[in-house]
Amino acid sequence: MASSAAAPSRSEVLSLFRSLLRTARDFSDYNIREYVRRRTIDAFRENKSLEKVSSIVAAYSEGRNQLQVAKRQSVVYSMYAPSIKSVMEVKGSSGSN
């Protein structure tokens, strides 16, 4: 059962957070990259107030699972990356101030 496992330390949780944000940067598509980044931040804010050890362990485990999914998806998306950048990524276009 999840409650028998020790709660992750603060450093483990922060490491997971940083790993998810780093993995988000690996996506070549702007929309997906920002979605993963935003979803990571939202999930950590949502789980910030958890107090029960079983809930903390479950949330940490779900975060680790999501990290593995994001890593696999970034590889797949890199194989099929679009040839042009998103409008959000284009810098220095003529006519804009």
PDB file of N, CA and C in Angstrom:
ATOM      1  N   MET A   1       0.845  -1.187   0.000  1.00  0.00           N
ATOM      2  CA  MET A   1       0.000   0.000   0.000  1.00  0.00           C
ATOM      3  C   MET A   1       0.879   1.235   0.000  1.00  0.00           C
ATOM      4  N   ALA A   2       0.405   2.327  -0.533  1.00  0.00           N
ATOM      5  CA  ALA A   2       1.176   3.564  -0.672  1.00  0.00           C
ATOM      6  C   ALA A   2       1.493   4.187   0.675  1.00  0.00           C
ATOM      7  N   SER A   3       0.661   3.979   1.697  1.00  0.00           N
ATOM      8  CA  SER A   3       0.887   4.617   2.985  1.00  0.00           C
ATOM      9  C   SER A   3       2.091   4.037   3.722  1.00  0.00           C
ATOM     10  N   SER A   4       2.520   2.832   3.359  1.00  0.00           N
ATOM     11  CA  SER A   4       3.677   2.236   4.019  1.00  0.00           C
ATOM     12  C   SER A   4       4.989   2.831   3.501  1.00  0.00           C
ATOM     13  N   ALA A   5       4.955   3.478   2.360  1.00  0.00           N
ATOM     14  CA  ALA A   5       6.150   4.101   1.806  1.00  0.00           C
ATOM     15  C   ALA A   5       6.403   5.433   2.491  1.00  0.00           C
ATOM     16  N   ALA A   6       7.675   5.780   2.600  1.00  0.00           N
ATOM     17  CA  ALA A   6       8.030   7.055   3.211  1.00  0.00           C
ATOM     18  C   ALA A   6       7.718   8.191   2.241  1.00  0.00           C
ATOM     19  N   ALA A   7       7.334   9.305   2.815  1.00  0.00           N
ATOM     20  CA  ALA A   7       7.039  10.474   1.991  1.00  0.00           C
ATOM     21  C   ALA A   7       8.331  10.971   1.350  1.00  0.00           C
ATOM     22  N   PRO A   8       8.252  11.464   0.129  1.00  0.00           N
ATOM     23  CA  PRO A   8       9.458  11.985  -0.528  1.00  0.00           C
ATOM     24  C   PRO A   8       9.950  13.240   0.191  1.00  0.00           C
ATOM     25  N   SER A   9      11.239  13.427   0.188  1.00  0.00           N
ATOM     26  CA  SER A   9      11.813  14.609   0.832  1.00  0.00           C
ATOM     27  C   SER A   9      11.563  15.847  -0.021  1.00  0.00           C
ATOM     28  N   ARG A  10      11.776  16.984   0.568  1.00  0.00           N
ATOM     29  CA  ARG A  10      11.600  18.253  -0.157  1.00  0.00           C
ATOM     30  C   ARG A  10      12.518  18.298  -1.376  1.00  0.00           C
ATOM     31  N   SER A  11      13.754  17.830  -1.212  1.00  0.00           N
ATOM     32  CA  SER A  11      14.698  17.855  -2.330  1.00  0.00           C
ATOM     33  C   SER A  11      14.255  16.918  -3.456  1.00  0.00           C
ATOM     34  N   GLU A  12      13.636  15.792  -3.123  1.00  0.00           N
ATOM     35  CA  GLU A  12      13.129  14.883  -4.150  1.00  0.00           C
ATOM     36  C   GLU A  12      11.969  15.513  -4.918  1.00  0.00           C
ATOM     37  N   VAL A  13      11.111  16.206  -4.207  1.00  0.00           N
ATOM     38  CA  VAL A  13       9.977  16.868  -4.854  1.00  0.00           C
ATOM     39  C   VAL A  13      10.471  17.986  -5.766  1.00  0.00           C
ATOM     40  N   LEU A  14      11.421  18.790  -5.281  1.00  0.00           N
ATOM     41  CA  LEU A  14      11.970  19.870  -6.111  1.00  0.00           C
ATOM     42  C   LEU A  14      12.718  19.324  -7.321  1.00  0.00           C
ATOM     43  N   SER A  15      13.395  18.202  -7.141  1.00  0.00           N
ATOM     44  CA  SER A  15      14.090  17.570  -8.254  1.00  0.00           C
ATOM     45  C   SER A  15      13.097  17.108  -9.320  1.00  0.00           C
ATOM     46  N   LEU A  16      11.983  16.539  -8.886  1.00  0.00           N
ATOM     47  CA  LEU A  16      10.939  16.116  -9.820  1.00  0.00           C
ATOM     48  C   LEU A  16      10.380  17.329 -10.561  1.00  0.00           C
ATOM     49  N   PHE A  17      10.126  18.421  -9.846  1.00  0.00           N
ATOM     50  CA  PHE A  17       9.615  19.650 -10.457  1.00  0.00           C
ATOM     51  C   PHE A  17      10.571  20.168 -11.517  1.00  0.00           C
ATOM     52  N   ARG A  18      11.852  20.243 -11.183  1.00  0.00           N
ATOM     53  CA  ARG A  18      12.850  20.729 -12.142  1.00  0.00           C
ATOM     54  C   ARG A  18      12.974  19.785 -13.336  1.00  0.00           C
ATOM     55  N   SER A  19      12.892  18.492 -13.095  1.00  0.00           N
ATOM     56  CA  SER A  19      12.977  17.519 -14.193  1.00  0.00           C
ATOM     57  C   SER A  19      11.805  17.671 -15.161  1.00  0.00           C
ATOM     58  N   LEU A  20      10.621  17.894 -14.618  1.00  0.00           N
ATOM     59  CA  LEU A  20       9.454  18.094 -15.477  1.00  0.00           C
ATOM     60  C   LEU A  20       9.597  19.374 -16.300  1.00  0.00           C
ATOM     61  N   LEU A  21      10.088  20.438 -15.690  1.00  0.00           N
ATOM     62  CA  LEU A  21      10.279  21.686 -16.432  1.00  0.00           C
ATOM     63  C   LEU A  21      11.364  21.532 -17.497  1.00  0.00           C
ATOM     64  N   ARG A  22      12.434  20.807 -17.180  1.00  0.00           N
ATOM     65  CA  ARG A  22      13.494  20.556 -18.162  1.00  0.00           C
ATOM     66  C   ARG A  22      12.968  19.736 -19.326  1.00  0.00           C
ATOM     67  N   THR A  23      12.160  18.752 -19.028  1.00  0.00           N
ATOM     68  CA  THR A  23      11.577  17.916 -20.074  1.00  0.00           C
ATOM     69  C   THR A  23      10.642  18.742 -20.948  1.00  0.00           C
ATOM     70  N   ALA A  24       9.928  19.687 -20.359  1.00  0.00           N
ATOM     71  CA  ALA A  24       9.047  20.556 -21.140  1.00  0.00           C
ATOM     72  C   ALA A  24       9.845  21.340 -22.170  1.00  0.00           C
ATOM     73  N   ARG A  25      11.062  21.758 -21.832  1.00  0.00           N
ATOM     74  CA  ARG A  25      11.899  22.511 -22.775  1.00  0.00           C
ATOM     75  C   ARG A  25      12.337  21.668 -23.956  1.00  0.00           C
ATOM     76  N   ASP A  26      12.282  20.353 -23.834  1.00  0.00           N
ATOM     77  CA  ASP A  26      12.708  19.460 -24.912  1.00  0.00           C
ATOM     78  C   ASP A  26      11.714  19.406 -26.079  1.00  0.00           C
ATOM     79  N   PHE A  27      10.479  19.840 -25.844  1.00  0.00           N
ATOM     80  CA  PHE A  27       9.479  19.821 -26.916  1.00  0.00           C
ATOM     81  C   PHE A  27       9.787  20.935 -27.897  1.00  0.00           C
ATOM     82  N   SER A  28       9.799  20.593 -29.179  1.00  0.00           N
ATOM     83  CA  SER A  28      10.101  21.597 -30.198  1.00  0.00           C
ATOM     84  C   SER A  28       8.890  22.479 -30.498  1.00  0.00           C
ATOM     85  N   ASP A  29       7.698  21.970 -30.305  1.00  0.00           N
ATOM     86  CA  ASP A  29       6.484  22.729 -30.580  1.00  0.00           C
ATOM     87  C   ASP A  29       6.158  23.649 -29.403  1.00  0.00           C
ATOM     88  N   TYR A  30       5.993  24.934 -29.685  1.00  0.00           N
ATOM     89  CA  TYR A  30       5.743  25.939 -28.659  1.00  0.00           C
ATOM     90  C   TYR A  30       4.514  25.611 -27.823  1.00  0.00           C
ATOM     91  N   ASN A  31       3.403  25.259 -28.470  1.00  0.00           N
ATOM     92  CA  ASN A  31       2.154  25.011 -27.753  1.00  0.00           C
ATOM     93  C   ASN A  31       2.275  23.850 -26.772  1.00  0.00           C
ATOM     94  N   ILE A  32       2.900  22.791 -27.183  1.00  0.00           N
ATOM     95  CA  ILE A  32       3.058  21.629 -26.316  1.00  0.00           C
ATOM     96  C   ILE A  32       4.043  21.936 -25.192  1.00  0.00           C
ATOM     97  N   ARG A  33       5.125  22.616 -25.543  1.00  0.00           N
ATOM     98  CA  ARG A  33       6.124  22.996 -24.544  1.00  0.00           C
ATOM     99  C   ARG A  33       5.484  23.839 -23.436  1.00  0.00           C
ATOM    100  N   GLU A  34       4.690  24.821 -23.826  1.00  0.00           N
ATOM    101  CA  GLU A  34       4.042  25.688 -22.838  1.00  0.00           C
ATOM    102  C   GLU A  34       2.952  24.947 -22.066  1.00  0.00           C
ATOM    103  N   TYR A  35       2.250  24.026 -22.718  1.00  0.00           N
ATOM    104  CA  TYR A  35       1.232  23.241 -22.027  1.00  0.00           C
ATOM    105  C   TYR A  35       1.866  22.393 -20.926  1.00  0.00           C
ATOM    106  N   VAL A  36       2.953  21.697 -21.244  1.00  0.00           N
ATOM    107  CA  VAL A  36       3.619  20.842 -20.257  1.00  0.00           C
ATOM    108  C   VAL A  36       4.147  21.696 -19.110  1.00  0.00           C
ATOM    109  N   ARG A  37       4.730  22.833 -19.433  1.00  0.00           N
ATOM    110  CA  ARG A  37       5.252  23.741 -18.405  1.00  0.00           C
ATOM    111  C   ARG A  37       4.122  24.231 -17.493  1.00  0.00           C
ATOM    112  N   ARG A  38       3.032  24.702 -18.099  1.00  0.00           N
ATOM    113  CA  ARG A  38       1.900  25.223 -17.337  1.00  0.00           C
ATOM    114  C   ARG A  38       1.248  24.126 -16.505  1.00  0.00           C
ATOM    115  N   ARG A  39       1.085  22.950 -17.098  1.00  0.00           N
ATOM    116  CA  ARG A  39       0.460  21.828 -16.375  1.00  0.00           C
ATOM    117  C   ARG A  39       1.306  21.394 -15.181  1.00  0.00           C
ATOM    118  N   THR A  40       2.632  21.422 -15.344  1.00  0.00           N
ATOM    119  CA  THR A  40       3.532  21.073 -14.243  1.00  0.00           C
ATOM    120  C   THR A  40       3.367  22.047 -13.090  1.00  0.00           C
ATOM    121  N   ILE A  41       3.413  23.331 -13.397  1.00  0.00           N
ATOM    122  CA  ILE A  41       3.293  24.350 -12.351  1.00  0.00           C
ATOM    123  C   ILE A  41       1.939  24.259 -11.663  1.00  0.00           C
ATOM    124  N   ASP A  42       0.873  24.086 -12.437  1.00  0.00           N
ATOM    125  CA  ASP A  42      -0.473  23.977 -11.863  1.00  0.00           C
ATOM    126  C   ASP A  42      -0.612  22.764 -10.949  1.00  0.00           C
ATOM    127  N   ALA A  43      -0.064  21.633 -11.367  1.00  0.00           N
ATOM    128  CA  ALA A  43      -0.170  20.414 -10.566  1.00  0.00           C
ATOM    129  C   ALA A  43       0.578  20.549  -9.245  1.00  0.00           C
ATOM    130  N   PHE A  44       1.749  21.162  -9.286  1.00  0.00           N
ATOM    131  CA  PHE A  44       2.499  21.329  -8.053  1.00  0.00           C
ATOM    132  C   PHE A  44       1.817  22.326  -7.122  1.00  0.00           C
ATOM    133  N   ARG A  45       1.224  23.365  -7.668  1.00  0.00           N
ATOM    134  CA  ARG A  45       0.476  24.317  -6.831  1.00  0.00           C
ATOM    135  C   ARG A  45      -0.741  23.641  -6.219  1.00  0.00           C
ATOM    136  N   GLU A  46      -1.401  22.807  -7.002  1.00  0.00           N
ATOM    137  CA  GLU A  46      -2.590  22.109  -6.528  1.00  0.00           C
ATOM    138  C   GLU A  46      -2.258  21.164  -5.369  1.00  0.00           C
ATOM    139  N   ASN A  47      -1.116  20.510  -5.451  1.00  0.00           N
ATOM    140  CA  ASN A  47      -0.730  19.532  -4.431  1.00  0.00           C
ATOM    141  C   ASN A  47       0.116  20.119  -3.318  1.00  0.00           C
ATOM    142  N   LYS A  48       0.308  21.406  -3.323  1.00  0.00           N
ATOM    143  CA  LYS A  48       1.151  22.085  -2.339  1.00  0.00           C
ATOM    144  C   LYS A  48       0.648  21.892  -0.906  1.00  0.00           C
ATOM    145  N   SER A  49      -0.654  21.845  -0.738  1.00  0.00           N
ATOM    146  CA  SER A  49      -1.233  21.799   0.599  1.00  0.00           C
ATOM    147  C   SER A  49      -1.519  20.383   1.107  1.00  0.00           C
ATOM    148  N   LEU A  50      -1.063  19.371   0.410  1.00  0.00           N
ATOM    149  CA  LEU A  50      -1.296  17.992   0.864  1.00  0.00           C
ATOM    150  C   LEU A  50      -0.587  17.758   2.192  1.00  0.00           C
ATOM    151  N   GLU A  51      -1.265  17.080   3.095  1.00  0.00           N
ATOM    152  CA  GLU A  51      -0.673  16.808   4.399  1.00  0.00           C
ATOM    153  C   GLU A  51      -0.587  15.317   4.728  1.00  0.00           C
ATOM    154  N   LYS A  52      -1.538  14.536   4.245  1.00  0.00           N
ATOM    155  CA  LYS A  52      -1.511  13.101   4.524  1.00  0.00           C
ATOM    156  C   LYS A  52      -0.361  12.459   3.748  1.00  0.00           C
ATOM    157  N   VAL A  53       0.388  11.614   4.432  1.00  0.00           N
ATOM    158  CA  VAL A  53       1.540  10.959   3.815  1.00  0.00           C
ATOM    159  C   VAL A  53       1.116  10.145   2.602  1.00  0.00           C
ATOM    160  N   SER A  54      -0.007   9.448   2.705  1.00  0.00           N
ATOM    161  CA  SER A  54      -0.465   8.625   1.576  1.00  0.00           C
ATOM    162  C   SER A  54      -0.789   9.487   0.362  1.00  0.00           C
ATOM    163  N   SER A  55      -1.357  10.665   0.584  1.00  0.00           N
ATOM    164  CA  SER A  55      -1.670  11.572  -0.524  1.00  0.00           C
ATOM    165  C   SER A  55      -0.406  12.121  -1.158  1.00  0.00           C
ATOM    166  N   ILE A  56       0.574  12.444  -0.325  1.00  0.00           N
ATOM    167  CA  ILE A  56       1.849  12.972  -0.826  1.00  0.00           C
ATOM    168  C   ILE A  56       2.565  11.920  -1.653  1.00  0.00           C
ATOM    169  N   VAL A  57       2.595  10.691  -1.158  1.00  0.00           N
ATOM    170  CA  VAL A  57       3.249   9.597  -1.879  1.00  0.00           C
ATOM    171  C   VAL A  57       2.546   9.342  -3.200  1.00  0.00           C
ATOM    172  N   ALA A  58       1.212   9.372  -3.194  1.00  0.00           N
ATOM    173  CA  ALA A  58       0.447   9.139  -4.419  1.00  0.00           C
ATOM    174  C   ALA A  58       0.706  10.253  -5.442  1.00  0.00           C
ATOM    175  N   ALA A  59       0.725  11.503  -4.983  1.00  0.00           N
ATOM    176  CA  ALA A  59       0.974  12.630  -5.889  1.00  0.00           C
ATOM    177  C   ALA A  59       2.388  12.567  -6.455  1.00  0.00           C
ATOM    178  N   TYR A  60       3.357  12.214  -5.626  1.00  0.00           N
ATOM    179  CA  TYR A  60       4.750  12.103  -6.073  1.00  0.00           C
ATOM    180  C   TYR A  60       4.884  10.983  -7.103  1.00  0.00           C
ATOM    181  N   SER A  61       4.231   9.865  -6.829  1.00  0.00           N
ATOM    182  CA  SER A  61       4.263   8.735  -7.761  1.00  0.00           C
ATOM    183  C   SER A  61       3.627   9.119  -9.100  1.00  0.00           C
ATOM    184  N   GLU A  62       2.521   9.835  -9.050  1.00  0.00           N
ATOM    185  CA  GLU A  62       1.864  10.291 -10.279  1.00  0.00           C
ATOM    186  C   GLU A  62       2.771  11.259 -11.037  1.00  0.00           C
ATOM    187  N   GLY A  63       3.471  12.114 -10.327  1.00  0.00           N
ATOM    188  CA  GLY A  63       4.409  13.033 -10.961  1.00  0.00           C
ATOM    189  C   GLY A  63       5.540  12.294 -11.656  1.00  0.00           C
ATOM    190  N   ARG A  64       6.057  11.253 -11.022  1.00  0.00           N
ATOM    191  CA  ARG A  64       7.124  10.446 -11.641  1.00  0.00           C
ATOM    192  C   ARG A  64       6.604   9.763 -12.902  1.00  0.00           C
ATOM    193  N   ASN A  65       5.376   9.269 -12.844  1.00  0.00           N
ATOM    194  CA  ASN A  65       4.771   8.649 -14.028  1.00  0.00           C
ATOM    195  C   ASN A  65       4.616   9.665 -15.150  1.00  0.00           C
ATOM    196  N   GLN A  66       4.164  10.860 -14.812  1.00  0.00           N
ATOM    197  CA  GLN A  66       3.995  11.911 -15.811  1.00  0.00           C
ATOM    198  C   GLN A  66       5.335  12.327 -16.415  1.00  0.00           C
ATOM    199  N   LEU A  67       6.390  12.303 -15.623  1.00  0.00           N
ATOM    200  CA  LEU A  67       7.727  12.620 -16.131  1.00  0.00           C
ATOM    201  C   LEU A  67       8.140  11.603 -17.192  1.00  0.00           C
ATOM    202  N   GLN A  68       7.901  10.343 -16.939  1.00  0.00           N
ATOM    203  CA  GLN A  68       8.251   9.301 -17.906  1.00  0.00           C
ATOM    204  C   GLN A  68       7.440   9.466 -19.195  1.00  0.00           C
ATOM    205  N   VAL A  69       6.163   9.779 -19.059  1.00  0.00           N
ATOM    206  CA  VAL A  69       5.312   9.998 -20.232  1.00  0.00           C
ATOM    207  C   VAL A  69       5.827  11.186 -21.030  1.00  0.00           C
ATOM    208  N   ALA A  70       6.140  12.278 -20.340  1.00  0.00           N
ATOM    209  CA  ALA A  70       6.616  13.490 -21.022  1.00  0.00           C
ATOM    210  C   ALA A  70       7.935  13.222 -21.748  1.00  0.00           C
ATOM    211  N   LYS A  71       8.820  12.451 -21.143  1.00  0.00           N
ATOM    212  CA  LYS A  71      10.091  12.129 -21.795  1.00  0.00           C
ATOM    213  C   LYS A  71       9.860  11.328 -23.074  1.00  0.00           C
ATOM    214  N   ARG A  72       8.972  10.339 -23.002  1.00  0.00           N
ATOM    215  CA  ARG A  72       8.671   9.542 -24.190  1.00  0.00           C
ATOM    216  C   ARG A  72       8.026  10.398 -25.268  1.00  0.00           C
ATOM    217  N   GLN A  73       7.103  11.252 -24.870  1.00  0.00           N
ATOM    218  CA  GLN A  73       6.407  12.098 -25.835  1.00  0.00           C
ATOM    219  C   GLN A  73       7.347  13.111 -26.479  1.00  0.00           C
ATOM    220  N   SER A  74       8.312  13.622 -25.737  1.00  0.00           N
ATOM    221  CA  SER A  74       9.243  14.594 -26.325  1.00  0.00           C
ATOM    222  C   SER A  74      10.077  13.936 -27.422  1.00  0.00           C
ATOM    223  N   VAL A  75      10.408  12.669 -27.240  1.00  0.00           N
ATOM    224  CA  VAL A  75      11.151  11.944 -28.275  1.00  0.00           C
ATOM    225  C   VAL A  75      10.280  11.769 -29.515  1.00  0.00           C
ATOM    226  N   VAL A  76       9.036  11.372 -29.311  1.00  0.00           N
ATOM    227  CA  VAL A  76       8.123  11.172 -30.442  1.00  0.00           C
ATOM    228  C   VAL A  76       7.883  12.493 -31.169  1.00  0.00           C
ATOM    229  N   TYR A  77       7.628  13.553 -30.421  1.00  0.00           N
ATOM    230  CA  TYR A  77       7.380  14.849 -31.042  1.00  0.00           C
ATOM    231  C   TYR A  77       8.612  15.368 -31.778  1.00  0.00           C
ATOM    232  N   SER A  78       9.793  15.046 -31.296  1.00  0.00           N
ATOM    233  CA  SER A  78      11.004  15.509 -31.981  1.00  0.00           C
ATOM    234  C   SER A  78      11.164  14.827 -33.343  1.00  0.00           C
ATOM    235  N   MET A  79      10.628  13.627 -33.479  1.00  0.00           N
ATOM    236  CA  MET A  79      10.693  12.930 -34.763  1.00  0.00           C
ATOM    237  C   MET A  79       9.788  13.573 -35.809  1.00  0.00           C
ATOM    238  N   TYR A  80       8.715  14.192 -35.344  1.00  0.00           N
ATOM    239  CA  TYR A  80       7.732  14.780 -36.249  1.00  0.00           C
ATOM    240  C   TYR A  80       7.618  16.290 -36.032  1.00  0.00           C
ATOM    241  N   ALA A  81       8.718  16.929 -35.739  1.00  0.00           N
ATOM    242  CA  ALA A  81       8.722  18.368 -35.469  1.00  0.00           C
ATOM    243  C   ALA A  81       8.306  19.140 -36.713  1.00  0.00           C
ATOM    244  N   PRO A  82       7.517  20.191 -36.520  1.00  0.00           N
ATOM    245  CA  PRO A  82       7.115  20.999 -37.676  1.00  0.00           C
ATOM    246  C   PRO A  82       8.322  21.727 -38.259  1.00  0.00           C
ATOM    247  N   SER A  83       8.263  21.968 -39.565  1.00  0.00           N
ATOM    248  CA  SER A  83       9.397  22.606 -40.234  1.00  0.00           C
ATOM    249  C   SER A  83       9.427  24.114 -40.019  1.00  0.00           C
ATOM    250  N   ILE A  84       8.291  24.690 -39.610  1.00  0.00           N
ATOM    251  CA  ILE A  84       8.262  26.130 -39.353  1.00  0.00           C
ATOM    252  C   ILE A  84       7.945  26.374 -37.885  1.00  0.00           C
ATOM    253  N   LYS A  85       8.386  27.513 -37.387  1.00  0.00           N
ATOM    254  CA  LYS A  85       8.147  27.849 -35.988  1.00  0.00           C
ATOM    255  C   LYS A  85       6.762  28.440 -35.802  1.00  0.00           C
ATOM    256  N   SER A  86       6.305  28.395 -34.582  1.00  0.00           N
ATOM    257  CA  SER A  86       5.052  29.017 -34.215  1.00  0.00           C
ATOM    258  C   SER A  86       5.200  30.532 -34.273  1.00  0.00           C
ATOM    259  N   VAL A  87       4.102  31.225 -34.460  1.00  0.00           N
ATOM    260  CA  VAL A  87       4.116  32.685 -34.473  1.00  0.00           C
ATOM    261  C   VAL A  87       4.664  33.211 -33.147  1.00  0.00           C
ATOM    262  N   MET A  88       4.419  32.501 -32.071  1.00  0.00           N
ATOM    263  CA  MET A  88       4.881  32.925 -30.747  1.00  0.00           C
ATOM    264  C   MET A  88       6.401  32.875 -30.629  1.00  0.00           C
ATOM    265  N   GLU A  89       7.047  32.081 -31.453  1.00  0.00           N
ATOM    266  CA  GLU A  89       8.498  31.930 -31.378  1.00  0.00           C
ATOM    267  C   GLU A  89       9.261  32.837 -32.335  1.00  0.00           C
ATOM    268  N   VAL A  90       8.569  33.404 -33.305  1.00  0.00           N
ATOM    269  CA  VAL A  90       9.232  34.254 -34.298  1.00  0.00           C
ATOM    270  C   VAL A  90       9.590  35.577 -33.641  1.00  0.00           C
ATOM    271  N   LYS A  91      10.883  35.927 -33.690  1.00  0.00           N
ATOM    272  CA  LYS A  91      11.347  37.173 -33.077  1.00  0.00           C
ATOM    273  C   LYS A  91      11.910  38.070 -34.158  1.00  0.00           C
ATOM    274  N   GLY A  92      11.767  39.355 -33.947  1.00  0.00           N
ATOM    275  CA  GLY A  92      12.367  40.303 -34.856  1.00  0.00           C
ATOM    276  C   GLY A  92      11.713  40.354 -36.219  1.00  0.00           C
ATOM    277  N   SER A  93      10.429  40.012 -36.279  1.00  0.00           N
ATOM    278  CA  SER A  93       9.772  40.075 -37.581  1.00  0.00           C
ATOM    279  C   SER A  93       9.630  41.531 -38.010  1.00  0.00           C
ATOM    280  N   SER A  94       9.693  41.770 -39.274  1.00  0.00           N
ATOM    281  CA  SER A  94       9.643  43.147 -39.785  1.00  0.00           C
ATOM    282  C   SER A  94       8.260  43.748 -39.566  1.00  0.00           C
ATOM    283  N   GLY A  95       8.254  45.039 -39.253  1.00  0.00           N
ATOM    284  CA  GLY A  95       7.002  45.752 -39.088  1.00  0.00           C
ATOM    285  C   GLY A  95       6.453  45.745 -37.669  1.00  0.00           C
ATOM    286  N   SER A  96       7.024  44.966 -36.755  1.00  0.00           N
ATOM    287  CA  SER A  96       6.526  44.968 -35.384  1.00  0.00           C
ATOM    288  C   SER A  96       7.472  45.751 -34.498  1.00  0.00           C
ATOM    289  N   ASN A  97       6.912  46.484 -33.579  1.00  0.00           N
ATOM    290  CA  ASN A  97       7.727  47.297 -32.651  1.00  0.00           C
ATOM    291  C   ASN A  97       7.508  46.857 -31.250  1.00  0.00           C
TER     292      ASN A  97
END
